[in-house]
Amino acid sequence: MTRTLRAADGALRLDGVSVRLGDHEALRGVTLEVEAGEFVVVTGPNGAGKSTLLEVAAGVRSPTRGRRSATGPIAFVPQRAAVPPGLPLTARDVVTVGTWRRLGAFRRRDRRARAAVAAAMERTAVSALQRLPFATLSGGQQQRVLLAHGLAGEAGVLLVDEPTTALDAASVRRIRAVLREEADRGAVVLCVTHDATLIADADREVALRDGMRLSASR
């Protein structure tokens, strides 16, 4: 079982964030604040700027204007695998890398890291895949392994991009439960999705269109 986070362990704020990609303004003056223990979904049509917003929140893309601030370890789970296909990593290797944020690369074999990896793989139902090459897994299996990677570091801020796109109904139910559990233990959970069930589970929905925030519900 994961430990309970202190309320101060995770917080996220975007203040007037704009991002220009070439001639296209992907985000325009977006302000968003998510507190510890909140599960917030970001919705909108394709091209609305949802994934760009997550990248800024994760710190992997700098805003052209505005500010981003975050506290607590951050885990970013992209929609597609960022693992080079020729790299001979097993599913367990990919999840283990997720512990390095907290424990460091040279402690990846200690008891705490092993326990965190085992727990994350069990929660996402990928324990049976741990010895298989990551590159040989199906799209849905890779998605669950990548989420386990994000969970393994017990992050205070969990950012997830379309986590249920390639999953069957049973896997979707499991992922819904995991994201809710993460918020309930005190993490910030920010999830881009088109999935109506995830939207219903969330504490708030933030809608984007053409790079602008339109509304927030609940």
N, C-alpha and C. Protein backbone atom coordinates (compact mmCIF):
# COMPACT_ATOMS: atom_id res chain seq x y z
N MET A 1 0.85 -1.20 0.00
CA MET A 1 0.00 0.00 0.00
C MET A 1 0.87 1.24 0.00
N THR A 2 0.48 2.26 -0.75
CA THR A 2 1.25 3.49 -0.80
C THR A 2 1.03 4.29 0.46
N ARG A 3 2.03 5.09 0.82
CA ARG A 3 1.93 5.90 2.01
C ARG A 3 1.00 7.07 1.76
N THR A 4 0.49 7.66 2.84
CA THR A 4 -0.35 8.84 2.73
C THR A 4 0.52 10.06 2.57
N LEU A 5 0.26 10.86 1.56
CA LEU A 5 1.05 12.07 1.33
C LEU A 5 0.56 13.20 2.22
N ARG A 6 1.47 14.02 2.67
CA ARG A 6 1.10 15.27 3.33
C ARG A 6 0.47 16.19 2.29
N ALA A 7 -0.44 17.05 2.74
CA ALA A 7 -1.15 17.92 1.80
C ALA A 7 -0.21 18.79 1.00
N ALA A 8 0.92 19.16 1.59
CA ALA A 8 1.87 20.06 0.91
C ALA A 8 2.74 19.34 -0.11
N ASP A 9 2.64 18.03 -0.20
CA ASP A 9 3.53 17.27 -1.08
C ASP A 9 3.26 17.52 -2.55
N GLY A 10 2.04 17.88 -2.90
CA GLY A 10 1.72 18.07 -4.31
C GLY A 10 0.86 19.29 -4.53
N ALA A 11 1.26 20.13 -5.46
CA ALA A 11 0.45 21.28 -5.87
C ALA A 11 0.90 21.69 -7.26
N LEU A 12 -0.02 22.24 -8.03
CA LEU A 12 0.29 22.61 -9.41
C LEU A 12 -0.45 23.89 -9.76
N ARG A 13 0.26 24.83 -10.40
CA ARG A 13 -0.39 26.07 -10.84
C ARG A 13 0.19 26.50 -12.18
N LEU A 14 -0.71 26.83 -13.10
CA LEU A 14 -0.36 27.47 -14.36
C LEU A 14 -1.02 28.85 -14.34
N ASP A 15 -0.24 29.88 -14.62
CA ASP A 15 -0.74 31.25 -14.51
C ASP A 15 -0.53 31.98 -15.83
N GLY A 16 -1.62 32.15 -16.60
CA GLY A 16 -1.56 32.87 -17.86
C GLY A 16 -0.62 32.24 -18.88
N VAL A 17 -0.63 30.92 -18.96
CA VAL A 17 0.34 30.19 -19.80
C VAL A 17 -0.09 30.21 -21.27
N SER A 18 0.85 30.62 -22.11
CA SER A 18 0.69 30.53 -23.57
C SER A 18 1.88 29.77 -24.14
N VAL A 19 1.63 29.00 -25.19
CA VAL A 19 2.68 28.24 -25.86
C VAL A 19 2.51 28.42 -27.36
N ARG A 20 3.57 28.87 -28.02
CA ARG A 20 3.55 29.00 -29.48
C ARG A 20 4.43 27.90 -30.07
N LEU A 21 3.86 27.15 -31.01
CA LEU A 21 4.58 26.10 -31.73
C LEU A 21 4.65 26.53 -33.19
N GLY A 22 5.77 27.11 -33.58
CA GLY A 22 5.88 27.67 -34.92
C GLY A 22 4.92 28.84 -35.07
N ASP A 23 4.02 28.75 -36.06
CA ASP A 23 3.03 29.80 -36.28
C ASP A 23 1.74 29.56 -35.51
N HIS A 24 1.68 28.45 -34.79
CA HIS A 24 0.44 28.07 -34.10
C HIS A 24 0.55 28.32 -32.61
N GLU A 25 -0.46 28.98 -32.04
CA GLU A 25 -0.50 29.19 -30.60
C GLU A 25 -1.30 28.05 -29.98
N ALA A 26 -0.58 27.08 -29.40
CA ALA A 26 -1.22 25.88 -28.87
C ALA A 26 -1.98 26.14 -27.59
N LEU A 27 -1.49 27.06 -26.76
CA LEU A 27 -2.18 27.48 -25.54
C LEU A 27 -2.21 28.99 -25.51
N ARG A 28 -3.33 29.54 -25.01
CA ARG A 28 -3.47 30.99 -24.98
C ARG A 28 -3.99 31.44 -23.62
N GLY A 29 -3.08 31.90 -22.78
CA GLY A 29 -3.46 32.50 -21.51
C GLY A 29 -4.20 31.59 -20.55
N VAL A 30 -3.76 30.34 -20.46
CA VAL A 30 -4.46 29.37 -19.61
C VAL A 30 -3.99 29.50 -18.16
N THR A 31 -4.94 29.61 -17.26
CA THR A 31 -4.67 29.61 -15.82
C THR A 31 -5.39 28.42 -15.20
N LEU A 32 -4.66 27.67 -14.39
CA LEU A 32 -5.22 26.46 -13.77
C LEU A 32 -4.48 26.20 -12.47
N GLU A 33 -5.23 25.88 -11.43
CA GLU A 33 -4.63 25.51 -10.15
C GLU A 33 -5.27 24.21 -9.68
N VAL A 34 -4.42 23.25 -9.31
CA VAL A 34 -4.90 21.97 -8.79
C VAL A 34 -4.22 21.73 -7.45
N GLU A 35 -5.01 21.44 -6.44
CA GLU A 35 -4.50 21.26 -5.09
C GLU A 35 -4.29 19.78 -4.79
N ALA A 36 -3.54 19.51 -3.72
CA ALA A 36 -3.33 18.14 -3.27
C ALA A 36 -4.67 17.46 -3.03
N GLY A 37 -4.79 16.23 -3.51
CA GLY A 37 -6.00 15.46 -3.32
C GLY A 37 -7.08 15.69 -4.35
N GLU A 38 -6.81 16.52 -5.36
CA GLU A 38 -7.79 16.78 -6.41
C GLU A 38 -7.53 15.91 -7.63
N PHE A 39 -8.61 15.43 -8.22
CA PHE A 39 -8.58 14.68 -9.48
C PHE A 39 -9.29 15.55 -10.52
N VAL A 40 -8.52 16.11 -11.44
CA VAL A 40 -9.04 17.04 -12.43
C VAL A 40 -8.82 16.46 -13.83
N VAL A 41 -9.86 16.47 -14.66
CA VAL A 41 -9.71 16.02 -16.04
C VAL A 41 -9.73 17.23 -16.97
N VAL A 42 -8.96 17.13 -18.04
CA VAL A 42 -8.90 18.16 -19.08
C VAL A 42 -9.52 17.56 -20.33
N THR A 43 -10.52 18.23 -20.87
CA THR A 43 -11.25 17.72 -22.02
C THR A 43 -11.24 18.75 -23.15
N GLY A 44 -11.66 18.30 -24.32
CA GLY A 44 -11.73 19.19 -25.48
C GLY A 44 -11.45 18.42 -26.75
N PRO A 45 -11.74 19.00 -27.90
CA PRO A 45 -11.51 18.31 -29.17
C PRO A 45 -10.03 18.14 -29.46
N ASN A 46 -9.72 17.28 -30.42
CA ASN A 46 -8.33 17.12 -30.86
C ASN A 46 -7.79 18.47 -31.31
N GLY A 47 -6.55 18.76 -30.92
CA GLY A 47 -5.94 20.03 -31.28
C GLY A 47 -6.28 21.18 -30.36
N ALA A 48 -6.97 20.89 -29.25
CA ALA A 48 -7.37 21.95 -28.33
C ALA A 48 -6.23 22.45 -27.46
N GLY A 49 -5.13 21.67 -27.39
CA GLY A 49 -4.00 22.06 -26.56
C GLY A 49 -3.86 21.25 -25.29
N LYS A 50 -4.61 20.16 -25.18
CA LYS A 50 -4.63 19.37 -23.95
C LYS A 50 -3.27 18.76 -23.64
N SER A 51 -2.67 18.08 -24.62
CA SER A 51 -1.38 17.44 -24.38
C SER A 51 -0.28 18.47 -24.15
N THR A 52 -0.37 19.61 -24.84
CA THR A 52 0.60 20.68 -24.61
C THR A 52 0.50 21.20 -23.19
N LEU A 53 -0.72 21.32 -22.68
CA LEU A 53 -0.91 21.75 -21.29
C LEU A 53 -0.23 20.77 -20.33
N LEU A 54 -0.40 19.47 -20.57
CA LEU A 54 0.25 18.48 -19.70
C LEU A 54 1.76 18.59 -19.77
N GLU A 55 2.31 18.81 -20.96
CA GLU A 55 3.75 18.94 -21.12
C GLU A 55 4.29 20.14 -20.35
N VAL A 56 3.56 21.25 -20.38
CA VAL A 56 3.97 22.42 -19.59
C VAL A 56 3.88 22.10 -18.10
N ALA A 57 2.79 21.46 -17.69
CA ALA A 57 2.62 21.10 -16.29
C ALA A 57 3.74 20.19 -15.81
N ALA A 58 4.20 19.29 -16.69
CA ALA A 58 5.27 18.35 -16.33
C ALA A 58 6.64 18.99 -16.34
N GLY A 59 6.76 20.17 -16.95
CA GLY A 59 8.06 20.82 -17.04
C GLY A 59 8.90 20.37 -18.21
N VAL A 60 8.31 19.63 -19.14
CA VAL A 60 9.07 19.17 -20.31
C VAL A 60 8.93 20.12 -21.48
N ARG A 61 8.03 21.11 -21.37
CA ARG A 61 7.91 22.16 -22.37
C ARG A 61 7.76 23.49 -21.64
N SER A 62 8.54 24.48 -22.07
CA SER A 62 8.50 25.79 -21.42
C SER A 62 7.42 26.66 -22.06
N PRO A 63 6.67 27.41 -21.26
CA PRO A 63 5.68 28.31 -21.84
C PRO A 63 6.34 29.48 -22.55
N THR A 64 5.70 29.96 -23.60
CA THR A 64 6.17 31.16 -24.28
C THR A 64 5.91 32.38 -23.42
N ARG A 65 4.77 32.38 -22.76
CA ARG A 65 4.42 33.42 -21.79
C ARG A 65 3.75 32.76 -20.59
N GLY A 66 3.75 33.46 -19.46
CA GLY A 66 3.10 32.94 -18.27
C GLY A 66 4.06 32.14 -17.40
N ARG A 67 3.52 31.60 -16.32
CA ARG A 67 4.35 30.90 -15.34
C ARG A 67 3.72 29.56 -14.97
N ARG A 68 4.60 28.64 -14.66
CA ARG A 68 4.19 27.33 -14.15
C ARG A 68 4.93 27.07 -12.85
N SER A 69 4.24 26.59 -11.84
CA SER A 69 4.89 26.22 -10.59
C SER A 69 4.30 24.90 -10.10
N ALA A 70 5.14 24.08 -9.51
CA ALA A 70 4.70 22.79 -8.99
C ALA A 70 5.55 22.43 -7.79
N THR A 71 4.94 21.75 -6.83
CA THR A 71 5.67 21.25 -5.68
C THR A 71 5.43 19.75 -5.57
N GLY A 72 6.43 19.06 -5.07
CA GLY A 72 6.35 17.62 -4.95
C GLY A 72 6.89 16.93 -6.19
N PRO A 73 7.34 15.69 -6.06
CA PRO A 73 7.82 14.93 -7.21
C PRO A 73 6.71 14.79 -8.26
N ILE A 74 7.10 14.89 -9.54
CA ILE A 74 6.14 14.85 -10.64
C ILE A 74 6.33 13.58 -11.46
N ALA A 75 5.23 12.92 -11.77
CA ALA A 75 5.25 11.78 -12.69
C ALA A 75 4.39 12.14 -13.90
N PHE A 76 4.98 12.00 -15.09
CA PHE A 76 4.29 12.32 -16.34
C PHE A 76 4.13 11.04 -17.13
N VAL A 77 2.89 10.67 -17.41
CA VAL A 77 2.58 9.45 -18.16
C VAL A 77 2.02 9.86 -19.52
N PRO A 78 2.85 9.85 -20.57
CA PRO A 78 2.37 10.27 -21.90
C PRO A 78 1.47 9.21 -22.51
N GLN A 79 0.78 9.59 -23.57
CA GLN A 79 -0.13 8.66 -24.23
C GLN A 79 0.63 7.56 -24.95
N ARG A 80 1.80 7.89 -25.48
CA ARG A 80 2.59 6.91 -26.23
C ARG A 80 3.92 6.68 -25.54
N ALA A 81 4.47 5.50 -25.78
CA ALA A 81 5.72 5.13 -25.14
C ALA A 81 6.86 6.02 -25.61
N ALA A 82 7.67 6.45 -24.64
CA ALA A 82 8.85 7.25 -24.97
C ALA A 82 10.11 6.39 -24.94
N VAL A 83 9.93 5.06 -24.93
CA VAL A 83 11.06 4.13 -24.87
C VAL A 83 11.50 3.80 -26.29
N PRO A 84 12.77 4.05 -26.65
CA PRO A 84 13.25 3.70 -28.00
C PRO A 84 13.01 2.23 -28.28
N PRO A 85 12.42 1.88 -29.43
CA PRO A 85 12.05 0.49 -29.70
C PRO A 85 13.23 -0.48 -29.70
N GLY A 86 14.43 0.01 -29.99
CA GLY A 86 15.59 -0.88 -30.02
C GLY A 86 16.24 -1.10 -28.67
N LEU A 87 15.78 -0.40 -27.64
CA LEU A 87 16.37 -0.53 -26.32
C LEU A 87 15.81 -1.79 -25.64
N PRO A 88 16.67 -2.72 -25.22
CA PRO A 88 16.19 -4.01 -24.70
C PRO A 88 15.70 -3.93 -23.26
N LEU A 89 14.63 -3.19 -23.02
CA LEU A 89 14.08 -3.05 -21.67
C LEU A 89 12.88 -3.96 -21.50
N THR A 90 12.80 -4.61 -20.34
CA THR A 90 11.61 -5.37 -20.01
C THR A 90 10.57 -4.42 -19.41
N ALA A 91 9.36 -4.93 -19.26
CA ALA A 91 8.31 -4.13 -18.63
C ALA A 91 8.73 -3.72 -17.22
N ARG A 92 9.36 -4.63 -16.49
CA ARG A 92 9.80 -4.30 -15.13
C ARG A 92 10.87 -3.22 -15.15
N ASP A 93 11.78 -3.26 -16.11
CA ASP A 93 12.80 -2.21 -16.22
C ASP A 93 12.15 -0.84 -16.36
N VAL A 94 11.13 -0.76 -17.21
CA VAL A 94 10.46 0.52 -17.45
C VAL A 94 9.82 1.03 -16.15
N VAL A 95 9.19 0.15 -15.40
CA VAL A 95 8.56 0.56 -14.14
C VAL A 95 9.62 0.95 -13.12
N THR A 96 10.72 0.22 -13.08
CA THR A 96 11.78 0.51 -12.12
C THR A 96 12.35 1.91 -12.31
N VAL A 97 12.48 2.35 -13.55
CA VAL A 97 12.98 3.71 -13.80
C VAL A 97 12.11 4.75 -13.09
N GLY A 98 10.84 4.43 -12.91
CA GLY A 98 9.94 5.36 -12.23
C GLY A 98 10.28 5.61 -10.78
N THR A 99 11.06 4.72 -10.16
CA THR A 99 11.45 4.92 -8.75
C THR A 99 12.65 5.85 -8.61
N TRP A 100 13.34 6.12 -9.69
CA TRP A 100 14.58 6.88 -9.60
C TRP A 100 14.37 8.30 -9.11
N ARG A 101 13.20 8.88 -9.39
CA ARG A 101 12.94 10.25 -8.95
C ARG A 101 13.10 10.39 -7.44
N ARG A 102 12.63 9.37 -6.71
CA ARG A 102 12.69 9.44 -5.25
C ARG A 102 13.94 8.77 -4.68
N LEU A 103 14.31 7.65 -5.25
CA LEU A 103 15.35 6.83 -4.63
C LEU A 103 16.71 6.95 -5.29
N GLY A 104 16.77 7.47 -6.52
CA GLY A 104 18.04 7.58 -7.21
C GLY A 104 18.36 6.31 -7.97
N ALA A 105 19.08 6.46 -9.07
CA ALA A 105 19.38 5.32 -9.94
C ALA A 105 20.20 4.25 -9.24
N PHE A 106 21.04 4.63 -8.29
CA PHE A 106 21.93 3.66 -7.67
C PHE A 106 21.26 2.90 -6.52
N ARG A 107 19.99 3.24 -6.22
CA ARG A 107 19.27 2.51 -5.18
C ARG A 107 18.12 1.70 -5.76
N ARG A 108 18.14 1.53 -7.08
CA ARG A 108 17.00 0.89 -7.73
C ARG A 108 16.84 -0.57 -7.33
N ARG A 109 17.85 -1.18 -6.75
CA ARG A 109 17.74 -2.59 -6.37
C ARG A 109 17.45 -2.78 -4.89
N ASP A 110 17.28 -1.70 -4.13
CA ASP A 110 17.06 -1.89 -2.70
C ASP A 110 15.62 -2.32 -2.43
N ARG A 111 15.36 -2.69 -1.18
CA ARG A 111 14.07 -3.27 -0.82
C ARG A 111 12.91 -2.32 -1.09
N ARG A 112 13.10 -1.05 -0.75
CA ARG A 112 12.03 -0.08 -0.95
C ARG A 112 11.67 0.06 -2.43
N ALA A 113 12.68 0.11 -3.28
CA ALA A 113 12.42 0.23 -4.72
C ALA A 113 11.71 -1.00 -5.25
N ARG A 114 12.16 -2.18 -4.83
CA ARG A 114 11.52 -3.41 -5.29
C ARG A 114 10.05 -3.47 -4.87
N ALA A 115 9.79 -3.05 -3.63
CA ALA A 115 8.41 -3.06 -3.14
C ALA A 115 7.54 -2.07 -3.92
N ALA A 116 8.09 -0.90 -4.23
CA ALA A 116 7.33 0.11 -4.97
C ALA A 116 7.02 -0.38 -6.38
N VAL A 117 7.99 -1.03 -7.02
CA VAL A 117 7.78 -1.56 -8.36
C VAL A 117 6.72 -2.67 -8.35
N ALA A 118 6.84 -3.58 -7.40
CA ALA A 118 5.87 -4.68 -7.31
C ALA A 118 4.46 -4.16 -7.08
N ALA A 119 4.33 -3.17 -6.20
CA ALA A 119 3.00 -2.61 -5.90
C ALA A 119 2.41 -1.91 -7.11
N ALA A 120 3.22 -1.15 -7.82
CA ALA A 120 2.73 -0.42 -9.00
C ALA A 120 2.29 -1.39 -10.09
N MET A 121 3.05 -2.45 -10.29
CA MET A 121 2.70 -3.43 -11.33
C MET A 121 1.45 -4.21 -10.95
N GLU A 122 1.29 -4.49 -9.67
CA GLU A 122 0.08 -5.18 -9.23
C GLU A 122 -1.15 -4.29 -9.41
N ARG A 123 -1.02 -3.02 -9.07
CA ARG A 123 -2.17 -2.11 -9.17
C ARG A 123 -2.64 -1.93 -10.61
N THR A 124 -1.73 -2.04 -11.56
CA THR A 124 -2.09 -1.87 -12.97
C THR A 124 -2.21 -3.21 -13.71
N ALA A 125 -2.13 -4.31 -12.97
CA ALA A 125 -2.32 -5.65 -13.52
C ALA A 125 -1.33 -5.99 -14.63
N VAL A 126 -0.05 -5.66 -14.40
CA VAL A 126 0.99 -6.00 -15.38
C VAL A 126 2.09 -6.87 -14.78
N SER A 127 1.86 -7.41 -13.59
CA SER A 127 2.89 -8.24 -12.95
C SER A 127 3.29 -9.42 -13.83
N ALA A 128 2.32 -10.00 -14.53
CA ALA A 128 2.61 -11.17 -15.38
C ALA A 128 3.45 -10.81 -16.59
N LEU A 129 3.57 -9.53 -16.90
CA LEU A 129 4.32 -9.08 -18.08
C LEU A 129 5.74 -8.66 -17.75
N GLN A 130 6.14 -8.73 -16.49
CA GLN A 130 7.35 -8.04 -16.07
C GLN A 130 8.62 -8.48 -16.79
N ARG A 131 8.71 -9.71 -17.23
CA ARG A 131 9.93 -10.18 -17.90
C ARG A 131 9.88 -10.03 -19.42
N LEU A 132 8.77 -9.58 -19.94
CA LEU A 132 8.63 -9.45 -21.39
C LEU A 132 9.25 -8.15 -21.89
N PRO A 133 9.84 -8.17 -23.08
CA PRO A 133 10.37 -6.93 -23.66
C PRO A 133 9.25 -5.91 -23.83
N PHE A 134 9.49 -4.70 -23.37
CA PHE A 134 8.46 -3.67 -23.45
C PHE A 134 8.01 -3.45 -24.89
N ALA A 135 8.95 -3.49 -25.83
CA ALA A 135 8.63 -3.20 -27.23
C ALA A 135 7.69 -4.23 -27.85
N THR A 136 7.58 -5.43 -27.26
CA THR A 136 6.72 -6.47 -27.82
C THR A 136 5.30 -6.43 -27.27
N LEU A 137 5.04 -5.57 -26.30
CA LEU A 137 3.72 -5.52 -25.68
C LEU A 137 2.71 -4.81 -26.58
N SER A 138 1.45 -5.12 -26.39
CA SER A 138 0.39 -4.44 -27.13
C SER A 138 0.28 -2.99 -26.65
N GLY A 139 -0.46 -2.17 -27.41
CA GLY A 139 -0.61 -0.78 -27.02
C GLY A 139 -1.24 -0.62 -25.65
N GLY A 140 -2.27 -1.42 -25.37
CA GLY A 140 -2.92 -1.35 -24.07
C GLY A 140 -2.01 -1.79 -22.94
N GLN A 141 -1.22 -2.85 -23.18
CA GLN A 141 -0.27 -3.30 -22.16
C GLN A 141 0.80 -2.24 -21.90
N GLN A 142 1.29 -1.62 -22.96
CA GLN A 142 2.28 -0.56 -22.78
C GLN A 142 1.70 0.60 -21.98
N GLN A 143 0.44 0.95 -22.23
CA GLN A 143 -0.19 2.02 -21.47
C GLN A 143 -0.20 1.71 -19.98
N ARG A 144 -0.55 0.48 -19.64
CA ARG A 144 -0.61 0.10 -18.22
C ARG A 144 0.77 0.06 -17.59
N VAL A 145 1.78 -0.38 -18.36
CA VAL A 145 3.15 -0.37 -17.84
C VAL A 145 3.63 1.06 -17.61
N LEU A 146 3.31 1.95 -18.54
CA LEU A 146 3.70 3.35 -18.37
C LEU A 146 3.02 3.98 -17.16
N LEU A 147 1.77 3.62 -16.91
CA LEU A 147 1.12 4.13 -15.71
C LEU A 147 1.79 3.56 -14.46
N ALA A 148 2.16 2.29 -14.48
CA ALA A 148 2.89 1.71 -13.35
C ALA A 148 4.20 2.44 -13.12
N HIS A 149 4.88 2.80 -14.21
CA HIS A 149 6.10 3.62 -14.12
C HIS A 149 5.81 4.91 -13.36
N GLY A 150 4.68 5.56 -13.70
CA GLY A 150 4.32 6.80 -13.02
C GLY A 150 3.99 6.60 -11.56
N LEU A 151 3.37 5.48 -11.22
CA LEU A 151 2.98 5.21 -9.84
C LEU A 151 4.15 4.82 -8.96
N ALA A 152 5.17 4.20 -9.55
CA ALA A 152 6.25 3.62 -8.75
C ALA A 152 7.01 4.65 -7.92
N GLY A 153 7.07 5.89 -8.40
CA GLY A 153 7.80 6.92 -7.66
C GLY A 153 7.00 7.61 -6.59
N GLU A 154 5.75 7.18 -6.37
CA GLU A 154 4.87 7.78 -5.35
C GLU A 154 4.88 9.30 -5.46
N ALA A 155 4.62 9.79 -6.66
CA ALA A 155 4.72 11.22 -6.94
C ALA A 155 3.63 12.01 -6.24
N GLY A 156 3.93 13.27 -5.98
CA GLY A 156 2.93 14.18 -5.43
C GLY A 156 2.05 14.78 -6.50
N VAL A 157 2.54 14.77 -7.76
CA VAL A 157 1.79 15.29 -8.90
C VAL A 157 1.81 14.22 -10.00
N LEU A 158 0.65 13.70 -10.37
CA LEU A 158 0.54 12.66 -11.39
C LEU A 158 -0.19 13.24 -12.60
N LEU A 159 0.51 13.28 -13.73
CA LEU A 159 -0.02 13.85 -14.97
C LEU A 159 -0.17 12.72 -15.98
N VAL A 160 -1.38 12.52 -16.49
CA VAL A 160 -1.67 11.34 -17.31
C VAL A 160 -2.40 11.77 -18.58
N ASP A 161 -1.90 11.29 -19.73
CA ASP A 161 -2.47 11.66 -21.02
C ASP A 161 -3.21 10.47 -21.63
N GLU A 162 -4.53 10.55 -21.70
CA GLU A 162 -5.39 9.54 -22.34
C GLU A 162 -5.05 8.11 -21.87
N PRO A 163 -5.18 7.81 -20.58
CA PRO A 163 -4.72 6.52 -20.06
C PRO A 163 -5.58 5.33 -20.43
N THR A 164 -6.79 5.53 -20.96
CA THR A 164 -7.69 4.40 -21.22
C THR A 164 -7.97 4.16 -22.69
N THR A 165 -7.26 4.84 -23.59
CA THR A 165 -7.59 4.81 -25.02
C THR A 165 -7.60 3.40 -25.60
N ALA A 166 -6.59 2.59 -25.29
CA ALA A 166 -6.46 1.27 -25.92
C ALA A 166 -6.82 0.12 -24.98
N LEU A 167 -7.59 0.39 -23.94
CA LEU A 167 -7.85 -0.62 -22.92
C LEU A 167 -9.23 -1.24 -23.04
N ASP A 168 -9.33 -2.50 -22.57
CA ASP A 168 -10.63 -3.15 -22.51
C ASP A 168 -11.39 -2.66 -21.27
N ALA A 169 -12.64 -3.08 -21.16
CA ALA A 169 -13.50 -2.55 -20.10
C ALA A 169 -12.96 -2.85 -18.70
N ALA A 170 -12.44 -4.06 -18.50
CA ALA A 170 -11.91 -4.41 -17.17
C ALA A 170 -10.70 -3.55 -16.82
N SER A 171 -9.83 -3.33 -17.79
CA SER A 171 -8.65 -2.49 -17.55
C SER A 171 -9.03 -1.04 -17.29
N VAL A 172 -10.06 -0.56 -17.99
CA VAL A 172 -10.53 0.81 -17.75
C VAL A 172 -11.02 0.95 -16.31
N ARG A 173 -11.76 -0.03 -15.83
CA ARG A 173 -12.25 0.03 -14.45
C ARG A 173 -11.09 0.07 -13.46
N ARG A 174 -10.05 -0.70 -13.75
CA ARG A 174 -8.89 -0.72 -12.86
C ARG A 174 -8.19 0.63 -12.87
N ILE A 175 -7.99 1.21 -14.03
CA ILE A 175 -7.30 2.50 -14.12
C ILE A 175 -8.12 3.60 -13.45
N ARG A 176 -9.43 3.56 -13.61
CA ARG A 176 -10.28 4.53 -12.92
C ARG A 176 -10.07 4.44 -11.41
N ALA A 177 -10.02 3.23 -10.90
CA ALA A 177 -9.83 3.05 -9.45
C ALA A 177 -8.47 3.57 -9.01
N VAL A 178 -7.44 3.29 -9.80
CA VAL A 178 -6.08 3.72 -9.45
C VAL A 178 -5.99 5.25 -9.39
N LEU A 179 -6.54 5.93 -10.38
CA LEU A 179 -6.46 7.39 -10.40
C LEU A 179 -7.21 7.99 -9.22
N ARG A 180 -8.35 7.41 -8.88
CA ARG A 180 -9.10 7.89 -7.72
C ARG A 180 -8.31 7.65 -6.44
N GLU A 181 -7.66 6.49 -6.33
CA GLU A 181 -6.84 6.18 -5.16
C GLU A 181 -5.70 7.17 -5.00
N GLU A 182 -5.08 7.54 -6.13
CA GLU A 182 -3.97 8.48 -6.06
C GLU A 182 -4.43 9.83 -5.51
N ALA A 183 -5.57 10.31 -5.96
CA ALA A 183 -6.10 11.56 -5.42
C ALA A 183 -6.47 11.41 -3.95
N ASP A 184 -7.06 10.28 -3.60
CA ASP A 184 -7.49 10.07 -2.22
C ASP A 184 -6.31 9.99 -1.26
N ARG A 185 -5.12 9.58 -1.77
CA ARG A 185 -3.95 9.54 -0.88
C ARG A 185 -3.26 10.89 -0.80
N GLY A 186 -3.75 11.87 -1.54
CA GLY A 186 -3.24 13.22 -1.41
C GLY A 186 -2.49 13.77 -2.59
N ALA A 187 -2.39 13.01 -3.67
CA ALA A 187 -1.67 13.49 -4.85
C ALA A 187 -2.55 14.42 -5.69
N VAL A 188 -1.91 15.32 -6.42
CA VAL A 188 -2.56 16.04 -7.51
C VAL A 188 -2.67 15.06 -8.68
N VAL A 189 -3.86 14.91 -9.25
CA VAL A 189 -4.04 14.07 -10.44
C VAL A 189 -4.66 14.93 -11.53
N LEU A 190 -3.92 15.10 -12.62
CA LEU A 190 -4.40 15.87 -13.77
C LEU A 190 -4.37 14.95 -14.98
N CYS A 191 -5.53 14.72 -15.58
CA CYS A 191 -5.67 13.69 -16.61
C CYS A 191 -6.36 14.25 -17.84
N VAL A 192 -5.71 14.14 -18.99
CA VAL A 192 -6.34 14.46 -20.27
C VAL A 192 -7.12 13.24 -20.73
N THR A 193 -8.38 13.42 -21.10
CA THR A 193 -9.19 12.27 -21.49
C THR A 193 -10.39 12.66 -22.34
N HIS A 194 -10.86 11.68 -23.14
CA HIS A 194 -12.15 11.76 -23.81
C HIS A 194 -13.13 10.77 -23.18
N ASP A 195 -12.69 10.03 -22.16
CA ASP A 195 -13.45 8.93 -21.57
C ASP A 195 -14.52 9.48 -20.61
N ALA A 196 -15.78 9.23 -20.94
CA ALA A 196 -16.88 9.76 -20.12
C ALA A 196 -16.85 9.23 -18.70
N THR A 197 -16.37 8.00 -18.51
CA THR A 197 -16.34 7.44 -17.16
C THR A 197 -15.30 8.14 -16.29
N LEU A 198 -14.15 8.47 -16.86
CA LEU A 198 -13.14 9.22 -16.11
C LEU A 198 -13.63 10.62 -15.79
N ILE A 199 -14.33 11.23 -16.75
CA ILE A 199 -14.88 12.57 -16.52
C ILE A 199 -15.86 12.53 -15.35
N ALA A 200 -16.68 11.48 -15.29
CA ALA A 200 -17.64 11.35 -14.20
C ALA A 200 -16.96 11.13 -12.86
N ASP A 201 -15.80 10.46 -12.87
CA ASP A 201 -15.07 10.18 -11.63
C ASP A 201 -14.39 11.41 -11.04
N ALA A 202 -14.08 12.38 -11.89
CA ALA A 202 -13.22 13.50 -11.49
C ALA A 202 -13.93 14.46 -10.54
N ASP A 203 -13.11 15.19 -9.79
CA ASP A 203 -13.63 16.26 -8.94
C ASP A 203 -13.99 17.49 -9.77
N ARG A 204 -13.24 17.72 -10.84
CA ARG A 204 -13.48 18.87 -11.71
C ARG A 204 -13.16 18.52 -13.15
N GLU A 205 -13.86 19.16 -14.07
CA GLU A 205 -13.55 19.05 -15.49
C GLU A 205 -13.18 20.43 -16.02
N VAL A 206 -12.05 20.51 -16.71
CA VAL A 206 -11.60 21.75 -17.33
C VAL A 206 -11.65 21.54 -18.84
N ALA A 207 -12.42 22.37 -19.54
CA ALA A 207 -12.58 22.23 -20.98
C ALA A 207 -11.69 23.22 -21.72
N LEU A 208 -11.00 22.72 -22.75
CA LEU A 208 -10.17 23.56 -23.61
C LEU A 208 -10.72 23.55 -25.03
N ARG A 209 -10.53 24.66 -25.73
CA ARG A 209 -10.81 24.71 -27.17
C ARG A 209 -9.91 25.76 -27.79
N ASP A 210 -9.24 25.37 -28.86
CA ASP A 210 -8.33 26.29 -29.56
C ASP A 210 -7.32 26.92 -28.61
N GLY A 211 -6.83 26.10 -27.65
CA GLY A 211 -5.79 26.57 -26.75
C GLY A 211 -6.27 27.43 -25.61
N MET A 212 -7.57 27.65 -25.49
CA MET A 212 -8.10 28.49 -24.43
C MET A 212 -8.97 27.67 -23.48
N ARG A 213 -8.93 28.05 -22.22
CA ARG A 213 -9.79 27.41 -21.23
C ARG A 213 -11.19 27.98 -21.35
N LEU A 214 -12.17 27.09 -21.56
CA LEU A 214 -13.54 27.56 -21.74
C LEU A 214 -14.33 27.56 -20.45
N SER A 215 -14.17 26.48 -19.67
CA SER A 215 -15.01 26.35 -18.48
C SER A 215 -14.42 25.32 -17.54
N ALA A 216 -14.98 25.30 -16.34
CA ALA A 216 -14.65 24.27 -15.35
C ALA A 216 -15.94 23.89 -14.65
N SER A 217 -16.16 22.59 -14.48
CA SER A 217 -17.37 22.14 -13.81
C SER A 217 -17.03 21.58 -12.44
N ARG A 218 -18.04 21.56 -11.60
CA ARG A 218 -17.92 21.08 -10.22
C ARG A 218 -16.86 21.85 -9.48
